[in-house]
Protein backbone atom coordinates (compact mmCIF):
# COMPACT_ATOMS: atom_id res chain seq x y z
CA UNK A 1 77.57 1.56 -6.10
CA UNK A 2 75.72 -0.19 -3.65
CA UNK A 3 71.87 0.76 -4.66
CA UNK A 4 72.37 -1.09 -8.11
CA UNK A 5 72.20 -4.55 -6.53
CA UNK A 6 69.52 -3.56 -5.08
CA UNK A 7 66.83 -2.36 -7.95
CA UNK A 8 63.38 -3.18 -5.57
CA UNK A 9 64.59 -0.48 -3.33
CA UNK A 10 65.43 2.45 -5.22
CA UNK A 11 63.53 4.94 -2.88
CA UNK A 12 61.64 4.52 0.90
CA UNK A 13 60.56 6.41 2.46
CA UNK A 14 60.53 7.20 7.31
CA UNK A 15 59.11 9.21 9.75
CA UNK A 16 61.00 12.60 10.69
CA UNK A 17 62.49 10.81 14.06
CA UNK A 18 64.68 8.73 12.09
CA UNK A 19 65.59 10.08 9.30
CA UNK A 20 69.28 10.70 10.24
CA UNK A 21 70.16 7.32 10.48
CA UNK A 22 67.91 6.04 7.43
CA UNK A 23 68.75 8.87 5.54
CA UNK A 24 72.98 8.24 5.81
CA UNK A 25 72.42 4.40 5.83
CA UNK A 26 70.34 5.26 2.42
CA UNK A 27 72.74 6.59 0.79
CA UNK A 28 75.42 4.35 1.05
CA UNK A 29 73.76 2.20 -0.18
CA UNK A 30 72.75 4.23 -2.75
CA UNK A 31 69.13 5.09 -2.22
CA UNK A 32 66.79 7.62 -2.36
CA UNK A 33 64.79 8.14 1.45
CA UNK A 34 61.67 10.52 1.67
CA UNK A 35 60.79 11.27 4.82
CA UNK A 36 57.24 11.95 5.57
CA UNK A 37 56.35 15.04 8.66
CA UNK A 38 53.41 15.50 10.73
CA UNK A 39 51.50 18.58 9.37
CA UNK A 40 52.26 20.93 12.70
CA UNK A 41 49.40 22.63 12.99
CA UNK A 42 47.35 19.30 13.34
CA UNK A 43 45.95 18.37 16.33
CA UNK A 44 44.59 14.82 17.05
CA UNK A 45 45.01 11.92 15.12
CA UNK A 46 45.55 12.38 11.26
CA UNK A 47 46.65 9.86 9.06
CA UNK A 48 49.85 10.39 7.21
CA UNK A 49 50.51 9.80 3.57
CA UNK A 50 51.75 7.15 2.22
CA UNK A 51 52.66 5.57 5.75
CA UNK A 52 48.69 3.59 6.04
CA UNK A 53 50.12 1.45 2.63
CA UNK A 54 53.25 0.39 4.96
CA UNK A 55 51.39 -0.58 7.86
CA UNK A 56 48.40 -2.27 5.87
CA UNK A 57 51.28 -4.05 4.48
CA UNK A 58 52.83 -5.73 7.19
CA UNK A 59 49.36 -6.53 8.53
CA UNK A 60 48.37 -8.25 5.23
CA UNK A 61 52.41 -9.98 5.46
CA UNK A 62 51.39 -10.93 9.75
CA UNK A 63 48.89 -13.32 8.19
CA UNK A 64 51.97 -15.99 6.98
CA UNK A 65 53.34 -17.51 10.12
CA UNK A 66 56.62 -18.16 8.78
CA UNK A 67 56.49 -13.46 7.93
CA UNK A 68 54.86 -13.39 11.46
CA UNK A 69 58.54 -14.16 13.25
CA UNK A 70 62.19 -13.90 11.65
CA UNK A 71 63.74 -17.22 11.05
CA UNK A 72 65.49 -16.74 7.73
CA UNK A 73 69.24 -16.85 7.85
CA UNK A 74 69.64 -14.53 5.26
CA UNK A 75 68.24 -11.16 3.60
CA UNK A 76 67.33 -13.13 0.16
CA UNK A 77 65.54 -16.24 1.67
CA UNK A 78 63.44 -13.77 3.44
CA UNK A 79 62.56 -11.27 0.65
CA UNK A 80 61.55 -14.51 -1.03
CA UNK A 81 59.16 -15.48 1.23
CA UNK A 82 57.59 -11.93 1.28
CA UNK A 83 57.02 -12.80 -2.56
CA UNK A 84 55.29 -15.97 -1.71
CA UNK A 85 53.18 -14.71 0.85
CA UNK A 86 52.12 -11.66 -1.57
CA UNK A 87 52.06 -14.10 -4.38
CA UNK A 88 49.42 -15.43 -2.80
CA UNK A 89 47.26 -12.16 -1.65
CA UNK A 90 46.75 -11.65 -5.08
CA UNK A 91 46.15 -15.05 -6.16
CA UNK A 92 43.27 -15.44 -3.69
CA UNK A 93 42.02 -11.75 -5.12
CA UNK A 94 42.06 -12.21 -8.65
CA UNK A 95 40.22 -16.16 -7.63
CA UNK A 96 38.22 -14.88 -5.04
CA UNK A 97 39.14 -18.26 -3.07
CA UNK A 98 40.42 -18.33 0.61
CA UNK A 99 43.24 -20.70 0.98
CA UNK A 100 44.14 -21.54 4.74
CA UNK A 101 46.80 -19.94 6.74
CA UNK A 102 48.17 -20.58 10.26
CA UNK A 103 45.02 -18.49 11.94
CA UNK A 104 42.74 -20.72 10.01
CA UNK A 105 43.96 -24.23 12.12
């Protein structure tokens, strides 16, 4: 089972339109896939539960220039850079200090 080699990814969420490809790929890796659906009775825009968490996190990560482009050749390097970005985010929140980023230049 390859899912054991990805301990950080035990469950993932996907939009309903990607369900077949993502579920098949997740099954090959041993990862549980949860499909989020929009309420068909709902009219207009409605935030889908838990999807906003992913979008917000992507927004935070894009403040780090290296993650705004696909510079990394190997997935483990990309994962390391994401961890560095999240450590920076958490440390800024704990110390209430701002660290310079590429937008401040």
